[in-house]
Amino acid sequence: MSEQQKQTVEGSTKTTKNTNNSRYMHSIFQECDQLKKEYDNCFNAFFQKFISPEYRHSSGLNNPCEQVHSVYRECVEKNLKLHKPFDIDIDEVRKQVLTDLQNEKVRNGN
């Protein structure tokens, strides 16, 4: 394992306290950490509204954090390909997942 990979793995387990006294887990990649904070803040704000009795649940899926999550996910995926901290080939994982889904559909007759 390279020094970069060791630092990444070690950094992925750090947690800190936010100003609102909640625990925060850093992103696996330092360069994605700010994006993760933005996504976590968005999700936490949405979730608090979502679980409120006053929240009006609609039949359509409305994810107010979709855009910031997408940007964060792209950052993580880019860095997984670049640094391979866990010796994972993200493209190979995707192929395997798609194959598994197709096999499951065949087994279920879909």
PDB file of N, CA and C in Angstrom:
ATOM      1  N   MET A   1       0.858  -1.174   0.000  1.00  0.00           N
ATOM      2  CA  MET A   1       0.000   0.000   0.000  1.00  0.00           C
ATOM      3  C   MET A   1       0.901   1.233   0.000  1.00  0.00           C
ATOM      4  N   SER A   2       0.628   2.176  -0.898  1.00  0.00           N
ATOM      5  CA  SER A   2       1.441   3.391  -0.984  1.00  0.00           C
ATOM      6  C   SER A   2       1.183   4.302   0.207  1.00  0.00           C
ATOM      7  N   GLU A   3       2.077   5.271   0.396  1.00  0.00           N
ATOM      8  CA  GLU A   3       1.906   6.230   1.496  1.00  0.00           C
ATOM      9  C   GLU A   3       0.607   7.016   1.319  1.00  0.00           C
ATOM     10  N   GLN A   4       0.290   7.403   0.064  1.00  0.00           N
ATOM     11  CA  GLN A   4      -0.964   8.117  -0.225  1.00  0.00           C
ATOM     12  C   GLN A   4      -2.161   7.266   0.184  1.00  0.00           C
ATOM     13  N   GLN A   5      -2.114   5.968  -0.135  1.00  0.00           N
ATOM     14  CA  GLN A   5      -3.216   5.081   0.212  1.00  0.00           C
ATOM     15  C   GLN A   5      -3.347   4.942   1.719  1.00  0.00           C
ATOM     16  N   LYS A   6      -2.213   4.818   2.425  1.00  0.00           N
ATOM     17  CA  LYS A   6      -2.252   4.711   3.883  1.00  0.00           C
ATOM     18  C   LYS A   6      -2.862   5.959   4.497  1.00  0.00           C
ATOM     19  N   GLN A   7      -2.461   7.136   3.994  1.00  0.00           N
ATOM     20  CA  GLN A   7      -3.001   8.386   4.523  1.00  0.00           C
ATOM     21  C   GLN A   7      -4.495   8.469   4.268  1.00  0.00           C
ATOM     22  N   THR A   8      -4.913   8.031   3.085  1.00  0.00           N
ATOM     23  CA  THR A   8      -6.332   8.077   2.744  1.00  0.00           C
ATOM     24  C   THR A   8      -7.130   7.152   3.650  1.00  0.00           C
ATOM     25  N   VAL A   9      -6.655   5.930   3.843  1.00  0.00           N
ATOM     26  CA  VAL A   9      -7.357   4.973   4.692  1.00  0.00           C
ATOM     27  C   VAL A   9      -7.405   5.482   6.123  1.00  0.00           C
ATOM     28  N   GLU A  10      -6.281   5.981   6.628  1.00  0.00           N
ATOM     29  CA  GLU A  10      -6.255   6.506   7.986  1.00  0.00           C
ATOM     30  C   GLU A  10      -7.182   7.705   8.123  1.00  0.00           C
ATOM     31  N   GLY A  11      -7.198   8.579   7.117  1.00  0.00           N
ATOM     32  CA  GLY A  11      -8.034   9.774   7.160  1.00  0.00           C
ATOM     33  C   GLY A  11      -9.512   9.469   7.079  1.00  0.00           C
ATOM     34  N   SER A  12      -9.857   8.313   6.518  1.00  0.00           N
ATOM     35  CA  SER A  12     -11.272   7.993   6.334  1.00  0.00           C
ATOM     36  C   SER A  12     -11.971   7.643   7.638  1.00  0.00           C
ATOM     37  N   THR A  13     -11.213   7.387   8.685  1.00  0.00           N
ATOM     38  CA  THR A  13     -11.839   7.000   9.943  1.00  0.00           C
ATOM     39  C   THR A  13     -11.945   8.150  10.931  1.00  0.00           C
ATOM     40  N   LYS A  14     -11.469   9.329  10.558  1.00  0.00           N
ATOM     41  CA  LYS A  14     -11.518  10.464  11.471  1.00  0.00           C
ATOM     42  C   LYS A  14     -12.943  10.980  11.607  1.00  0.00           C
ATOM     43  N   THR A  15     -13.294  11.333  12.818  1.00  0.00           N
ATOM     44  CA  THR A  15     -14.557  12.017  13.051  1.00  0.00           C
ATOM     45  C   THR A  15     -14.278  13.236  13.903  1.00  0.00           C
ATOM     46  N   THR A  16     -15.099  14.238  13.737  1.00  0.00           N
ATOM     47  CA  THR A  16     -14.968  15.453  14.534  1.00  0.00           C
ATOM     48  C   THR A  16     -16.353  15.877  14.973  1.00  0.00           C
ATOM     49  N   LYS A  17     -16.388  16.863  15.834  1.00  0.00           N
ATOM     50  CA  LYS A  17     -17.667  17.437  16.259  1.00  0.00           C
ATOM     51  C   LYS A  17     -17.954  18.657  15.400  1.00  0.00           C
ATOM     52  N   ASN A  18     -19.154  18.755  14.882  1.00  0.00           N
ATOM     53  CA  ASN A  18     -19.597  19.956  14.180  1.00  0.00           C
ATOM     54  C   ASN A  18     -19.945  21.022  15.197  1.00  0.00           C
ATOM     55  N   THR A  19     -20.163  22.233  14.722  1.00  0.00           N
ATOM     56  CA  THR A  19     -20.531  23.315  15.630  1.00  0.00           C
ATOM     57  C   THR A  19     -21.877  23.055  16.293  1.00  0.00           C
ATOM     58  N   ASN A  20     -22.744  22.281  15.656  1.00  0.00           N
ATOM     59  CA  ASN A  20     -24.037  21.964  16.263  1.00  0.00           C
ATOM     60  C   ASN A  20     -23.955  20.735  17.171  1.00  0.00           C
ATOM     61  N   ASN A  21     -22.725  20.349  17.532  1.00  0.00           N
ATOM     62  CA  ASN A  21     -22.451  19.276  18.482  1.00  0.00           C
ATOM     63  C   ASN A  21     -22.800  17.884  17.954  1.00  0.00           C
ATOM     64  N   SER A  22     -22.991  17.726  16.650  1.00  0.00           N
ATOM     65  CA  SER A  22     -23.213  16.399  16.091  1.00  0.00           C
ATOM     66  C   SER A  22     -21.881  15.854  15.570  1.00  0.00           C
ATOM     67  N   ARG A  23     -21.797  14.554  15.485  1.00  0.00           N
ATOM     68  CA  ARG A  23     -20.556  13.945  15.001  1.00  0.00           C
ATOM     69  C   ARG A  23     -20.506  14.050  13.484  1.00  0.00           C
ATOM     70  N   TYR A  24     -19.310  14.213  12.968  1.00  0.00           N
ATOM     71  CA  TYR A  24     -19.118  14.336  11.528  1.00  0.00           C
ATOM     72  C   TYR A  24     -17.998  13.401  11.097  1.00  0.00           C
ATOM     73  N   MET A  25     -18.262  12.602  10.088  1.00  0.00           N
ATOM     74  CA  MET A  25     -17.241  11.721   9.539  1.00  0.00           C
ATOM     75  C   MET A  25     -16.707  12.351   8.261  1.00  0.00           C
ATOM     76  N   HIS A  26     -15.404  12.520   8.196  1.00  0.00           N
ATOM     77  CA  HIS A  26     -14.778  13.120   7.024  1.00  0.00           C
ATOM     78  C   HIS A  26     -14.939  12.213   5.808  1.00  0.00           C
ATOM     79  N   SER A  27     -14.826  12.819   4.639  1.00  0.00           N
ATOM     80  CA  SER A  27     -14.837  12.062   3.406  1.00  0.00           C
ATOM     81  C   SER A  27     -13.589  11.188   3.345  1.00  0.00           C
ATOM     82  N   ILE A  28     -13.672  10.128   2.593  1.00  0.00           N
ATOM     83  CA  ILE A  28     -12.521   9.253   2.423  1.00  0.00           C
ATOM     84  C   ILE A  28     -11.367   9.997   1.734  1.00  0.00           C
ATOM     85  N   PHE A  29     -11.689  11.010   0.935  1.00  0.00           N
ATOM     86  CA  PHE A  29     -10.675  11.813   0.254  1.00  0.00           C
ATOM     87  C   PHE A  29     -10.764  13.251   0.732  1.00  0.00           C
ATOM     88  N   GLN A  30      -9.643  13.770   1.176  1.00  0.00           N
ATOM     89  CA  GLN A  30      -9.612  15.125   1.733  1.00  0.00           C
ATOM     90  C   GLN A  30     -10.141  16.152   0.737  1.00  0.00           C
ATOM     91  N   GLU A  31      -9.836  15.980  -0.555  1.00  0.00           N
ATOM     92  CA  GLU A  31     -10.272  16.950  -1.552  1.00  0.00           C
ATOM     93  C   GLU A  31     -11.789  16.929  -1.769  1.00  0.00           C
ATOM     94  N   CYS A  32     -12.466  15.918  -1.262  1.00  0.00           N
ATOM     95  CA  CYS A  32     -13.927  15.831  -1.372  1.00  0.00           C
ATOM     96  C   CYS A  32     -14.625  16.213  -0.071  1.00  0.00           C
ATOM     97  N   ASP A  33     -13.859  16.550   0.949  1.00  0.00           N
ATOM     98  CA  ASP A  33     -14.431  16.760   2.275  1.00  0.00           C
ATOM     99  C   ASP A  33     -15.438  17.909   2.318  1.00  0.00           C
ATOM    100  N   GLN A  34     -15.132  19.025   1.671  1.00  0.00           N
ATOM    101  CA  GLN A  34     -16.058  20.157   1.685  1.00  0.00           C
ATOM    102  C   GLN A  34     -17.374  19.791   0.990  1.00  0.00           C
ATOM    103  N   LEU A  35     -17.282  19.039  -0.096  1.00  0.00           N
ATOM    104  CA  LEU A  35     -18.495  18.589  -0.794  1.00  0.00           C
ATOM    105  C   LEU A  35     -19.321  17.664   0.094  1.00  0.00           C
ATOM    106  N   LYS A  36     -18.648  16.797   0.843  1.00  0.00           N
ATOM    107  CA  LYS A  36     -19.359  15.912   1.764  1.00  0.00           C
ATOM    108  C   LYS A  36     -20.053  16.719   2.850  1.00  0.00           C
ATOM    109  N   LYS A  37     -19.388  17.732   3.374  1.00  0.00           N
ATOM    110  CA  LYS A  37     -20.006  18.582   4.398  1.00  0.00           C
ATOM    111  C   LYS A  37     -21.265  19.247   3.849  1.00  0.00           C
ATOM    112  N   GLU A  38     -21.178  19.758   2.614  1.00  0.00           N
ATOM    113  CA  GLU A  38     -22.333  20.410   1.997  1.00  0.00           C
ATOM    114  C   GLU A  38     -23.483  19.416   1.828  1.00  0.00           C
ATOM    115  N   TYR A  39     -23.152  18.213   1.359  1.00  0.00           N
ATOM    116  CA  TYR A  39     -24.195  17.197   1.193  1.00  0.00           C
ATOM    117  C   TYR A  39     -24.792  16.806   2.544  1.00  0.00           C
ATOM    118  N   ASP A  40     -23.946  16.554   3.531  1.00  0.00           N
ATOM    119  CA  ASP A  40     -24.438  16.173   4.861  1.00  0.00           C
ATOM    120  C   ASP A  40     -25.346  17.249   5.441  1.00  0.00           C
ATOM    121  N   ASN A  41     -24.947  18.508   5.299  1.00  0.00           N
ATOM    122  CA  ASN A  41     -25.780  19.606   5.808  1.00  0.00           C
ATOM    123  C   ASN A  41     -27.125  19.647   5.094  1.00  0.00           C
ATOM    124  N   CYS A  42     -27.099  19.489   3.775  1.00  0.00           N
ATOM    125  CA  CYS A  42     -28.339  19.485   2.993  1.00  0.00           C
ATOM    126  C   CYS A  42     -29.229  18.317   3.425  1.00  0.00           C
ATOM    127  N   PHE A  43     -28.642  17.130   3.497  1.00  0.00           N
ATOM    128  CA  PHE A  43     -29.425  15.948   3.862  1.00  0.00           C
ATOM    129  C   PHE A  43     -29.995  16.072   5.269  1.00  0.00           C
ATOM    130  N   ASN A  44     -29.177  16.506   6.217  1.00  0.00           N
ATOM    131  CA  ASN A  44     -29.654  16.626   7.598  1.00  0.00           C
ATOM    132  C   ASN A  44     -30.797  17.628   7.711  1.00  0.00           C
ATOM    133  N   ALA A  45     -30.698  18.749   6.998  1.00  0.00           N
ATOM    134  CA  ALA A  45     -31.780  19.740   7.019  1.00  0.00           C
ATOM    135  C   ALA A  45     -33.051  19.151   6.400  1.00  0.00           C
ATOM    136  N   PHE A  46     -32.901  18.468   5.260  1.00  0.00           N
ATOM    137  CA  PHE A  46     -34.050  17.840   4.612  1.00  0.00           C
ATOM    138  C   PHE A  46     -34.662  16.760   5.506  1.00  0.00           C
ATOM    139  N   PHE A  47     -33.819  15.925   6.088  1.00  0.00           N
ATOM    140  CA  PHE A  47     -34.324  14.813   6.892  1.00  0.00           C
ATOM    141  C   PHE A  47     -35.114  15.307   8.096  1.00  0.00           C
ATOM    142  N   GLN A  48     -34.662  16.378   8.713  1.00  0.00           N
ATOM    143  CA  GLN A  48     -35.400  16.939   9.848  1.00  0.00           C
ATOM    144  C   GLN A  48     -36.800  17.377   9.421  1.00  0.00           C
ATOM    145  N   LYS A  49     -36.906  17.966   8.229  1.00  0.00           N
ATOM    146  CA  LYS A  49     -38.226  18.346   7.710  1.00  0.00           C
ATOM    147  C   LYS A  49     -39.042  17.100   7.363  1.00  0.00           C
ATOM    148  N   PHE A  50     -38.371  16.118   6.749  1.00  0.00           N
ATOM    149  CA  PHE A  50     -39.031  14.906   6.279  1.00  0.00           C
ATOM    150  C   PHE A  50     -39.696  14.141   7.420  1.00  0.00           C
ATOM    151  N   ILE A  51     -39.052  14.062   8.563  1.00  0.00           N
ATOM    152  CA  ILE A  51     -39.614  13.296   9.682  1.00  0.00           C
ATOM    153  C   ILE A  51     -40.591  14.109  10.522  1.00  0.00           C
ATOM    154  N   SER A  52     -40.732  15.375  10.189  1.00  0.00           N
ATOM    155  CA  SER A  52     -41.665  16.228  10.915  1.00  0.00           C
ATOM    156  C   SER A  52     -43.105  15.830  10.580  1.00  0.00           C
ATOM    157  N   PRO A  53     -43.997  15.842  11.572  1.00  0.00           N
ATOM    158  CA  PRO A  53     -45.406  15.506  11.307  1.00  0.00           C
ATOM    159  C   PRO A  53     -46.061  16.473  10.319  1.00  0.00           C
ATOM    160  N   GLU A  54     -45.536  17.683  10.217  1.00  0.00           N
ATOM    161  CA  GLU A  54     -46.127  18.679   9.321  1.00  0.00           C
ATOM    162  C   GLU A  54     -45.692  18.499   7.862  1.00  0.00           C
ATOM    163  N   TYR A  55     -44.695  17.663   7.626  1.00  0.00           N
ATOM    164  CA  TYR A  55     -44.169  17.501   6.267  1.00  0.00           C
ATOM    165  C   TYR A  55     -45.211  16.848   5.373  1.00  0.00           C
ATOM    166  N   ARG A  56     -45.413  17.426   4.210  1.00  0.00           N
ATOM    167  CA  ARG A  56     -46.369  16.896   3.239  1.00  0.00           C
ATOM    168  C   ARG A  56     -45.621  15.977   2.269  1.00  0.00           C
ATOM    169  N   HIS A  57     -45.831  14.688   2.430  1.00  0.00           N
ATOM    170  CA  HIS A  57     -45.179  13.715   1.556  1.00  0.00           C
ATOM    171  C   HIS A  57     -45.920  13.683   0.222  1.00  0.00           C
ATOM    172  N   SER A  58     -45.181  13.817  -0.849  1.00  0.00           N
ATOM    173  CA  SER A  58     -45.797  13.771  -2.175  1.00  0.00           C
ATOM    174  C   SER A  58     -45.500  12.421  -2.811  1.00  0.00           C
ATOM    175  N   SER A  59     -46.284  12.083  -3.812  1.00  0.00           N
ATOM    176  CA  SER A  59     -46.085  10.804  -4.486  1.00  0.00           C
ATOM    177  C   SER A  59     -44.830  10.828  -5.356  1.00  0.00           C
ATOM    178  N   GLY A  60     -44.438  12.005  -5.834  1.00  0.00           N
ATOM    179  CA  GLY A  60     -43.226  12.124  -6.631  1.00  0.00           C
ATOM    180  C   GLY A  60     -42.006  12.221  -5.739  1.00  0.00           C
ATOM    181  N   LEU A  61     -40.933  11.631  -6.183  1.00  0.00           N
ATOM    182  CA  LEU A  61     -39.699  11.702  -5.403  1.00  0.00           C
ATOM    183  C   LEU A  61     -39.043  13.054  -5.625  1.00  0.00           C
ATOM    184  N   ASN A  62     -38.847  13.785  -4.554  1.00  0.00           N
ATOM    185  CA  ASN A  62     -38.216  15.093  -4.635  1.00  0.00           C
ATOM    186  C   ASN A  62     -36.995  15.079  -3.727  1.00  0.00           C
ATOM    187  N   ASN A  63     -35.823  15.056  -4.322  1.00  0.00           N
ATOM    188  CA  ASN A  63     -34.590  15.017  -3.553  1.00  0.00           C
ATOM    189  C   ASN A  63     -33.895  16.366  -3.683  1.00  0.00           C
ATOM    190  N   PRO A  64     -34.032  17.230  -2.693  1.00  0.00           N
ATOM    191  CA  PRO A  64     -33.430  18.557  -2.790  1.00  0.00           C
ATOM    192  C   PRO A  64     -31.905  18.526  -2.739  1.00  0.00           C
ATOM    193  N   CYS A  65     -31.330  17.399  -2.379  1.00  0.00           N
ATOM    194  CA  CYS A  65     -29.871  17.294  -2.249  1.00  0.00           C
ATOM    195  C   CYS A  65     -29.244  16.532  -3.415  1.00  0.00           C
ATOM    196  N   GLU A  66     -30.030  16.213  -4.416  1.00  0.00           N
ATOM    197  CA  GLU A  66     -29.553  15.381  -5.516  1.00  0.00           C
ATOM    198  C   GLU A  66     -28.340  15.980  -6.219  1.00  0.00           C
ATOM    199  N   GLN A  67     -28.370  17.271  -6.504  1.00  0.00           N
ATOM    200  CA  GLN A  67     -27.270  17.904  -7.232  1.00  0.00           C
ATOM    201  C   GLN A  67     -25.974  17.879  -6.425  1.00  0.00           C
ATOM    202  N   VAL A  68     -26.034  18.269  -5.158  1.00  0.00           N
ATOM    203  CA  VAL A  68     -24.816  18.306  -4.344  1.00  0.00           C
ATOM    204  C   VAL A  68     -24.303  16.885  -4.086  1.00  0.00           C
ATOM    205  N   HIS A  69     -25.212  15.911  -3.971  1.00  0.00           N
ATOM    206  CA  HIS A  69     -24.790  14.519  -3.820  1.00  0.00           C
ATOM    207  C   HIS A  69     -24.080  14.032  -5.076  1.00  0.00           C
ATOM    208  N   SER A  70     -24.605  14.398  -6.225  1.00  0.00           N
ATOM    209  CA  SER A  70     -24.005  13.995  -7.490  1.00  0.00           C
ATOM    210  C   SER A  70     -22.578  14.529  -7.620  1.00  0.00           C
ATOM    211  N   VAL A  71     -22.372  15.785  -7.255  1.00  0.00           N
ATOM    212  CA  VAL A  71     -21.037  16.391  -7.331  1.00  0.00           C
ATOM    213  C   VAL A  71     -20.091  15.692  -6.353  1.00  0.00           C
ATOM    214  N   TYR A  72     -20.567  15.425  -5.151  1.00  0.00           N
ATOM    215  CA  TYR A  72     -19.741  14.728  -4.156  1.00  0.00           C
ATOM    216  C   TYR A  72     -19.389  13.320  -4.640  1.00  0.00           C
ATOM    217  N   ARG A  73     -20.385  12.587  -5.150  1.00  0.00           N
ATOM    218  CA  ARG A  73     -20.155  11.232  -5.648  1.00  0.00           C
ATOM    219  C   ARG A  73     -19.128  11.224  -6.778  1.00  0.00           C
ATOM    220  N   GLU A  74     -19.229  12.190  -7.695  1.00  0.00           N
ATOM    221  CA  GLU A  74     -18.265  12.280  -8.791  1.00  0.00           C
ATOM    222  C   GLU A  74     -16.852  12.499  -8.265  1.00  0.00           C
ATOM    223  N   CYS A  75     -16.715  13.326  -7.241  1.00  0.00           N
ATOM    224  CA  CYS A  75     -15.410  13.570  -6.630  1.00  0.00           C
ATOM    225  C   CYS A  75     -14.842  12.276  -6.051  1.00  0.00           C
ATOM    226  N   VAL A  76     -15.654  11.543  -5.328  1.00  0.00           N
ATOM    227  CA  VAL A  76     -15.198  10.293  -4.717  1.00  0.00           C
ATOM    228  C   VAL A  76     -14.840   9.274  -5.797  1.00  0.00           C
ATOM    229  N   GLU A  77     -15.698   9.126  -6.803  1.00  0.00           N
ATOM    230  CA  GLU A  77     -15.431   8.152  -7.861  1.00  0.00           C
ATOM    231  C   GLU A  77     -14.159   8.496  -8.625  1.00  0.00           C
ATOM    232  N   LYS A  78     -13.959   9.777  -8.906  1.00  0.00           N
ATOM    233  CA  LYS A  78     -12.740  10.204  -9.599  1.00  0.00           C
ATOM    234  C   LYS A  78     -11.508   9.819  -8.785  1.00  0.00           C
ATOM    235  N   ASN A  79     -11.567  10.058  -7.489  1.00  0.00           N
ATOM    236  CA  ASN A  79     -10.427   9.755  -6.630  1.00  0.00           C
ATOM    237  C   ASN A  79     -10.253   8.260  -6.390  1.00  0.00           C
ATOM    238  N   LEU A  80     -11.332   7.502  -6.414  1.00  0.00           N
ATOM    239  CA  LEU A  80     -11.198   6.044  -6.328  1.00  0.00           C
ATOM    240  C   LEU A  80     -10.429   5.510  -7.526  1.00  0.00           C
ATOM    241  N   LYS A  81     -10.739   6.047  -8.703  1.00  0.00           N
ATOM    242  CA  LYS A  81     -10.026   5.619  -9.909  1.00  0.00           C
ATOM    243  C   LYS A  81      -8.573   6.064  -9.877  1.00  0.00           C
ATOM    244  N   LEU A  82      -8.343   7.265  -9.387  1.00  0.00           N
ATOM    245  CA  LEU A  82      -7.001   7.843  -9.383  1.00  0.00           C
ATOM    246  C   LEU A  82      -6.091   7.210  -8.339  1.00  0.00           C
ATOM    247  N   HIS A  83      -6.572   7.064  -7.122  1.00  0.00           N
ATOM    248  CA  HIS A  83      -5.720   6.628  -6.010  1.00  0.00           C
ATOM    249  C   HIS A  83      -5.863   5.152  -5.652  1.00  0.00           C
ATOM    250  N   LYS A  84      -6.995   4.540  -5.985  1.00  0.00           N
ATOM    251  CA  LYS A  84      -7.279   3.135  -5.664  1.00  0.00           C
ATOM    252  C   LYS A  84      -6.855   2.779  -4.232  1.00  0.00           C
ATOM    253  N   PRO A  85      -7.425   3.455  -3.237  1.00  0.00           N
ATOM    254  CA  PRO A  85      -6.975   3.248  -1.851  1.00  0.00           C
ATOM    255  C   PRO A  85      -7.245   1.849  -1.311  1.00  0.00           C
ATOM    256  N   PHE A  86      -8.216   1.178  -1.855  1.00  0.00           N
ATOM    257  CA  PHE A  86      -8.552  -0.158  -1.371  1.00  0.00           C
ATOM    258  C   PHE A  86      -8.346  -1.187  -2.470  1.00  0.00           C
ATOM    259  N   ASP A  87      -7.557  -0.809  -3.471  1.00  0.00           N
ATOM    260  CA  ASP A  87      -7.290  -1.677  -4.605  1.00  0.00           C
ATOM    261  C   ASP A  87      -8.595  -2.147  -5.243  1.00  0.00           C
ATOM    262  N   ILE A  88      -9.527  -1.190  -5.390  1.00  0.00           N
ATOM    263  CA  ILE A  88     -10.837  -1.461  -5.976  1.00  0.00           C
ATOM    264  C   ILE A  88     -10.896  -0.812  -7.355  1.00  0.00           C
ATOM    265  N   ASP A  89     -11.339  -1.583  -8.328  1.00  0.00           N
ATOM    266  CA  ASP A  89     -11.569  -1.040  -9.659  1.00  0.00           C
ATOM    267  C   ASP A  89     -13.063  -0.742  -9.755  1.00  0.00           C
ATOM    268  N   ILE A  90     -13.422   0.541  -9.669  1.00  0.00           N
ATOM    269  CA  ILE A  90     -14.832   0.938  -9.617  1.00  0.00           C
ATOM    270  C   ILE A  90     -15.591   0.481 -10.863  1.00  0.00           C
ATOM    271  N   ASP A  91     -14.931   0.485 -12.021  1.00  0.00           N
ATOM    272  CA  ASP A  91     -15.596   0.026 -13.244  1.00  0.00           C
ATOM    273  C   ASP A  91     -15.899  -1.472 -13.172  1.00  0.00           C
ATOM    274  N   GLU A  92     -14.981  -2.235 -12.603  1.00  0.00           N
ATOM    275  CA  GLU A  92     -15.203  -3.672 -12.441  1.00  0.00           C
ATOM    276  C   GLU A  92     -16.351  -3.941 -11.463  1.00  0.00           C
ATOM    277  N   VAL A  93     -16.433  -3.157 -10.407  1.00  0.00           N
ATOM    278  CA  VAL A  93     -17.534  -3.294  -9.444  1.00  0.00           C
ATOM    279  C   VAL A  93     -18.865  -3.013 -10.136  1.00  0.00           C
ATOM    280  N   ARG A  94     -18.904  -1.952 -10.942  1.00  0.00           N
ATOM    281  CA  ARG A  94     -20.140  -1.621 -11.669  1.00  0.00           C
ATOM    282  C   ARG A  94     -20.562  -2.762 -12.588  1.00  0.00           C
ATOM    283  N   LYS A  95     -19.591  -3.323 -13.325  1.00  0.00           N
ATOM    284  CA  LYS A  95     -19.908  -4.433 -14.228  1.00  0.00           C
ATOM    285  C   LYS A  95     -20.487  -5.609 -13.452  1.00  0.00           C
ATOM    286  N   GLN A  96     -19.880  -5.920 -12.311  1.00  0.00           N
ATOM    287  CA  GLN A  96     -20.349  -7.045 -11.505  1.00  0.00           C
ATOM    288  C   GLN A  96     -21.757  -6.794 -10.973  1.00  0.00           C
ATOM    289  N   VAL A  97     -22.023  -5.580 -10.525  1.00  0.00           N
ATOM    290  CA  VAL A  97     -23.358  -5.244 -10.019  1.00  0.00           C
ATOM    291  C   VAL A  97     -24.388  -5.373 -11.133  1.00  0.00           C
ATOM    292  N   LEU A  98     -24.069  -4.847 -12.311  1.00  0.00           N
ATOM    293  CA  LEU A  98     -25.003  -4.952 -13.435  1.00  0.00           C
ATOM    294  C   LEU A  98     -25.240  -6.409 -13.826  1.00  0.00           C
ATOM    295  N   THR A  99     -24.187  -7.202 -13.835  1.00  0.00           N
ATOM    296  CA  THR A  99     -24.324  -8.627 -14.142  1.00  0.00           C
ATOM    297  C   THR A  99     -25.205  -9.312 -13.108  1.00  0.00           C
ATOM    298  N   ASP A 100     -24.974  -9.016 -11.833  1.00  0.00           N
ATOM    299  CA  ASP A 100     -25.787  -9.602 -10.766  1.00  0.00           C
ATOM    300  C   ASP A 100     -27.256  -9.208 -10.910  1.00  0.00           C
ATOM    301  N   LEU A 101     -27.513  -7.937 -11.240  1.00  0.00           N
ATOM    302  CA  LEU A 101     -28.897  -7.485 -11.421  1.00  0.00           C
ATOM    303  C   LEU A 101     -29.563  -8.193 -12.594  1.00  0.00           C
ATOM    304  N   GLN A 102     -28.821  -8.351 -13.700  1.00  0.00           N
ATOM    305  CA  GLN A 102     -29.372  -9.045 -14.861  1.00  0.00           C
ATOM    306  C   GLN A 102     -29.661 -10.508 -14.536  1.00  0.00           C
ATOM    307  N   ASN A 103     -28.749 -11.155 -13.823  1.00  0.00           N
ATOM    308  CA  ASN A 103     -28.958 -12.553 -13.434  1.00  0.00           C
ATOM    309  C   ASN A 103     -30.171 -12.693 -12.521  1.00  0.00           C
ATOM    310  N   GLU A 104     -30.354 -11.745 -11.625  1.00  0.00           N
ATOM    311  CA  GLU A 104     -31.501 -11.777 -10.722  1.00  0.00           C
ATOM    312  C   GLU A 104     -32.807 -11.620 -11.498  1.00  0.00           C
ATOM    313  N   LYS A 105     -32.812 -10.735 -12.499  1.00  0.00           N
ATOM    314  CA  LYS A 105     -34.010 -10.557 -13.323  1.00  0.00           C
ATOM    315  C   LYS A 105     -34.346 -11.846 -14.064  1.00  0.00           C
ATOM    316  N   VAL A 106     -33.322 -12.516 -14.584  1.00  0.00           N
ATOM    317  CA  VAL A 106     -33.541 -13.771 -15.303  1.00  0.00           C
ATOM    318  C   VAL A 106     -34.117 -14.821 -14.354  1.00  0.00           C
ATOM    319  N   ARG A 107     -33.557 -14.912 -13.149  1.00  0.00           N
ATOM    320  CA  ARG A 107     -34.060 -15.882 -12.161  1.00  0.00           C
ATOM    321  C   ARG A 107     -35.509 -15.589 -11.777  1.00  0.00           C
ATOM    322  N   ASN A 108     -35.859 -14.307 -11.718  1.00  0.00           N
ATOM    323  CA  ASN A 108     -37.215 -13.916 -11.326  1.00  0.00           C
ATOM    324  C   ASN A 108     -38.181 -13.888 -12.497  1.00  0.00           C
ATOM    325  N   GLY A 109     -37.684 -14.155 -13.700  1.00  0.00           N
ATOM    326  CA  GLY A 109     -38.545 -14.188 -14.871  1.00  0.00           C
ATOM    327  C   GLY A 109     -38.937 -12.824 -15.390  1.00  0.00           C
ATOM    328  N   ASN A 110     -38.171 -11.796 -15.088  1.00  0.00           N
ATOM    329  CA  ASN A 110     -38.476 -10.434 -15.571  1.00  0.00           C
ATOM    330  C   ASN A 110     -37.745 -10.146 -16.838  1.00  0.00           C
TER     331      ASN A 110
END
